Protein backbone atom coordinates (compact mmCIF):
# COMPACT_ATOMS: atom_id res chain seq x y z
CA MET A 1 -31.94 62.37 -97.83
CA ASN A 2 -32.80 64.75 -100.63
CA ASP A 3 -35.90 66.90 -100.51
CA ALA A 4 -37.10 67.58 -104.05
CA ARG A 5 -39.66 70.00 -102.61
CA THR A 6 -36.93 72.55 -101.93
CA LEU A 7 -35.69 74.57 -104.89
CA LEU A 8 -32.02 75.20 -105.44
CA THR A 9 -30.61 78.66 -104.79
CA PRO A 10 -27.30 80.13 -106.00
CA THR A 11 -25.86 80.06 -102.47
CA ASP A 12 -26.90 76.66 -101.16
CA HIS A 13 -24.92 74.23 -103.30
CA VAL A 14 -21.74 73.42 -105.20
CA LEU A 15 -21.52 72.14 -108.78
CA LEU A 16 -19.34 69.12 -109.57
CA LEU A 17 -18.46 68.40 -113.22
CA ILE A 18 -16.91 64.97 -113.67
CA ASP A 19 -14.89 63.66 -116.61
CA HIS A 20 -16.18 65.71 -119.53
CA GLN A 21 -13.25 64.57 -121.64
CA PRO A 22 -12.79 63.34 -125.24
CA GLN A 23 -12.24 59.65 -124.51
CA MET A 24 -15.25 59.52 -122.23
CA ALA A 25 -17.42 61.25 -124.83
CA PHE A 26 -16.44 58.70 -127.48
CA GLY A 27 -18.36 56.01 -125.60
CA VAL A 28 -21.55 58.01 -125.05
CA GLN A 29 -24.57 56.63 -126.91
CA SER A 30 -27.50 57.88 -124.81
CA ILE A 31 -27.46 61.46 -126.13
CA ASP A 32 -26.18 63.22 -129.23
CA ARG A 33 -22.67 64.25 -128.33
CA GLN A 34 -22.90 67.73 -129.79
CA THR A 35 -26.05 68.25 -127.72
CA LEU A 36 -24.20 66.91 -124.68
CA LEU A 37 -21.39 69.42 -125.22
CA ASN A 38 -23.88 72.26 -125.66
CA ASN A 39 -25.80 71.31 -122.51
CA THR A 40 -22.72 70.91 -120.36
CA VAL A 41 -21.28 74.25 -121.42
CA GLY A 42 -24.68 75.85 -120.74
CA LEU A 43 -24.63 74.28 -117.28
CA ALA A 44 -21.10 75.50 -116.58
CA LYS A 45 -21.95 79.04 -117.70
CA SER A 46 -25.07 78.98 -115.53
CA ALA A 47 -23.02 78.22 -112.44
CA LYS A 48 -20.53 80.93 -113.39
CA VAL A 49 -23.22 83.60 -113.78
CA PHE A 50 -24.62 82.84 -110.33
CA ASN A 51 -21.20 82.49 -108.67
CA VAL A 52 -21.86 78.88 -107.71
CA PRO A 53 -18.67 77.19 -106.45
CA THR A 54 -17.69 74.72 -109.17
CA VAL A 55 -15.28 71.79 -108.97
CA LEU A 56 -13.84 70.27 -112.16
CA THR A 57 -12.46 66.75 -112.24
CA THR A 58 -10.92 64.49 -114.84
CA VAL A 59 -9.72 60.91 -114.94
CA ALA A 60 -6.37 59.87 -116.46
CA ALA A 61 -6.19 63.09 -118.45
CA GLU A 62 -2.61 62.61 -119.61
CA THR A 63 -2.62 58.87 -120.21
CA PHE A 64 -6.06 57.94 -121.56
CA SER A 65 -9.02 60.33 -121.49
CA GLY A 66 -7.56 63.64 -122.64
CA HIS A 67 -7.99 67.07 -121.11
CA ILE A 68 -11.33 68.50 -120.05
CA TRP A 69 -13.29 69.92 -122.98
CA PRO A 70 -11.78 73.32 -123.79
CA GLU A 71 -15.23 74.90 -123.88
CA ILE A 72 -15.61 74.10 -120.16
CA GLN A 73 -12.07 75.15 -119.33
CA GLU A 74 -12.76 78.51 -120.99
CA VAL A 75 -15.62 79.10 -118.54
CA PHE A 76 -13.27 78.49 -115.59
CA PRO A 77 -9.84 79.49 -116.94
CA GLU A 78 -8.42 79.90 -113.45
CA GLN A 79 -9.10 76.29 -112.47
CA THR A 80 -6.94 73.22 -112.94
CA PRO A 81 -9.20 70.14 -112.90
CA ILE A 82 -8.41 67.58 -110.23
CA ASP A 83 -7.13 64.54 -112.12
CA ARG A 84 -7.92 61.17 -110.58
CA THR A 85 -7.16 57.50 -111.04
CA THR A 86 -10.32 56.23 -109.35
CA MET A 87 -13.56 55.83 -111.31
CA ASN A 88 -15.48 57.01 -108.25
CA THR A 89 -14.80 60.68 -107.59
CA TRP A 90 -16.00 60.21 -104.01
CA GLU A 91 -13.00 57.98 -103.35
CA ASP A 92 -10.60 60.85 -104.03
CA ALA A 93 -10.11 62.75 -100.78
CA ARG A 94 -8.91 65.88 -102.60
CA VAL A 95 -12.27 66.27 -104.32
CA VAL A 96 -14.37 65.52 -101.25
CA ASP A 97 -12.29 67.79 -99.03
CA LEU A 98 -12.63 70.64 -101.53
CA LEU A 99 -16.39 70.17 -101.76
CA LYS A 100 -16.68 70.17 -97.97
CA SER A 101 -14.59 73.33 -97.71
CA TYR A 102 -17.42 75.37 -99.27
CA GLY A 103 -19.67 74.62 -96.31
CA LYS A 104 -22.66 73.47 -98.37
CA LYS A 105 -24.75 70.32 -97.97
CA ARG A 106 -26.25 70.32 -101.45
CA ILE A 107 -24.37 69.24 -104.54
CA VAL A 108 -25.31 69.26 -108.22
CA MET A 109 -23.45 66.75 -110.38
CA ALA A 110 -23.01 65.91 -114.05
CA ALA A 111 -20.65 63.27 -115.39
CA LEU A 112 -19.51 60.90 -118.09
CA TRP A 113 -20.46 58.11 -117.89
CA THR A 114 -23.81 58.13 -116.09
CA GLU A 115 -23.61 54.51 -114.99
CA VAL A 116 -20.18 54.85 -113.41
CA CYS A 117 -18.79 58.32 -112.84
CA LEU A 118 -22.16 59.85 -111.97
CA ALA A 119 -23.89 56.99 -110.17
CA PHE A 120 -20.98 56.03 -107.92
CA PRO A 121 -20.26 59.44 -106.33
CA ALA A 122 -23.95 60.39 -106.25
CA ILE A 123 -24.86 57.30 -104.26
CA ASP A 124 -21.88 57.67 -101.92
CA ALA A 125 -22.60 61.37 -101.33
CA ILE A 126 -26.25 60.64 -100.56
CA ARG A 127 -25.19 57.95 -98.10
CA GLU A 128 -23.01 60.54 -96.33
CA GLY A 129 -25.94 62.92 -95.97
CA TRP A 130 -25.50 65.22 -98.96
CA ASP A 131 -28.50 66.54 -100.88
CA VAL A 132 -27.65 65.42 -104.41
CA HIS A 133 -29.13 66.66 -107.70
CA VAL A 134 -27.96 65.19 -111.01
CA VAL A 135 -28.14 66.97 -114.36
CA VAL A 136 -29.37 64.25 -116.69
CA ASP A 137 -28.78 65.99 -120.02
CA ALA A 138 -25.24 67.10 -119.18
CA SER A 139 -24.42 63.44 -118.46
CA GLY A 140 -24.30 60.49 -120.83
CA GLY A 141 -24.12 56.71 -120.71
CA THR A 142 -22.81 54.02 -123.01
CA SER A 143 -26.37 53.10 -124.02
CA ASN A 144 -29.89 54.37 -123.44
CA ASP A 145 -30.45 51.62 -120.89
CA ALA A 146 -27.15 52.36 -119.12
CA HIS A 147 -28.14 56.00 -118.70
CA LYS A 148 -31.78 55.35 -117.77
CA TYR A 149 -31.15 52.69 -115.16
CA ALA A 150 -28.26 54.61 -113.63
CA ILE A 151 -30.54 57.62 -113.16
CA ASP A 152 -33.21 55.28 -111.76
CA ARG A 153 -30.69 53.90 -109.30
CA ILE A 154 -29.66 57.40 -108.19
CA VAL A 155 -33.30 58.38 -107.71
CA GLN A 156 -33.97 55.23 -105.70
CA ALA A 157 -31.04 56.18 -103.48
CA GLY A 158 -32.58 59.62 -102.93
CA GLY A 159 -31.11 61.75 -105.72
CA VAL A 160 -33.06 64.36 -107.66
CA PRO A 161 -32.80 64.57 -111.48
CA LEU A 162 -33.06 67.83 -113.42
CA THR A 163 -31.99 69.31 -116.76
CA TRP A 164 -29.42 72.01 -117.34
CA LEU A 165 -32.03 74.57 -118.47
CA GLN A 166 -34.17 73.82 -115.43
CA TYR A 167 -31.07 74.47 -113.33
CA LEU A 168 -30.45 77.84 -114.97
CA LEU A 169 -34.05 79.03 -114.63
CA GLU A 170 -34.37 77.63 -111.10
CA LEU A 171 -31.48 79.84 -110.02
CA GLN A 172 -32.90 82.91 -111.76
CA ARG A 173 -36.60 82.33 -110.88
CA ASP A 174 -37.52 86.02 -110.88
CA TRP A 175 -36.92 88.17 -113.96
CA ALA A 176 -36.70 91.17 -111.64
CA ARG A 177 -33.29 89.88 -110.51
CA GLY A 178 -31.53 92.36 -112.72
CA GLU A 179 -27.97 91.44 -111.76
CA THR A 180 -28.27 88.05 -113.46
CA TYR A 181 -30.96 88.81 -116.06
CA ALA A 182 -28.58 89.49 -118.95
CA GLY A 183 -26.42 86.51 -118.08
CA THR A 184 -29.38 84.15 -117.86
CA THR A 185 -30.99 85.26 -121.11
CA GLY A 186 -27.60 85.32 -122.83
CA ILE A 187 -26.92 81.70 -121.89
CA ALA A 188 -30.42 80.71 -122.98
CA MET A 189 -30.04 82.44 -126.34
CA GLU A 190 -26.74 80.67 -126.95
CA HIS A 191 -27.53 77.21 -125.64
CA ALA A 192 -31.28 76.69 -125.11
CA GLY A 193 -32.36 75.84 -128.64
CA ALA A 194 -35.94 76.82 -129.49
CA TYR A 195 -36.31 78.82 -126.28
CA GLY A 196 -33.19 80.75 -127.18
CA ILE A 197 -34.54 81.45 -130.67
CA GLY A 198 -37.70 82.85 -129.09
CA LEU A 199 -35.67 85.11 -126.80
CA LYS A 200 -33.66 86.43 -129.73
CA TYR A 201 -36.86 87.13 -131.64
CA ALA A 202 -38.45 88.90 -128.69
CA LYS A 203 -35.33 90.99 -128.18
CA GLN A 204 -35.29 91.94 -131.84
CA VAL A 205 -38.99 92.84 -131.98
CA LEU A 206 -39.13 94.63 -128.65
CA GLY A 207 -35.91 96.42 -129.41
CA ALA A 208 -37.30 97.65 -132.72
CA HIS A 209 -40.53 98.81 -131.10
CA ALA A 210 -38.64 100.60 -128.35
CA SER A 211 -36.54 102.38 -130.98
CA GLU A 212 -39.63 103.42 -132.95
CA ALA A 213 -41.14 104.83 -129.77
CA GLY A 214 -38.03 106.88 -129.16
CA ALA A 215 -36.99 104.84 -126.13
């Protein structure tokens, strides 16, 4: 079962992004779809900066749902998403075998739709002993209720909810970690809304002061 008392680290988990595709986004009503796109890309970039193994999956990409959002594909240009027929990613052995190959027991998931493509694999993974976290604002359901009660069901099964920005800052945690400082603040400035605006302002002001001081 999951232990929400233990923070995520860059080396203890794998990220699974499920069905962030045009047709699936059309049905999302629980979150503004532009915000959903922004959050999911921020999540993907966060994993990339911290070298978190990331698995991309799609469903019926050629016949119904369309290709994965290009903004996500651009983050992982070397990857070809695993395209499935099953609604439940956990029923595709290729995906599960790849996840297991990384040797982790924690998994962070985001998916469209929450009530199907997130809830099903999350519950199955928990049942098999995985420590599952779900990124609620990089996932979306067909209604507010569909999203809410799917997350409730995952939590009741033992899953841990978090947001994409929480994920990014949980991996960074210490601003003295210089190797990922620029990447973390860069992602926040691009995708974190008001927080990002504040970072840009601070950079501008501090940069100007440093210049005036001859730094």
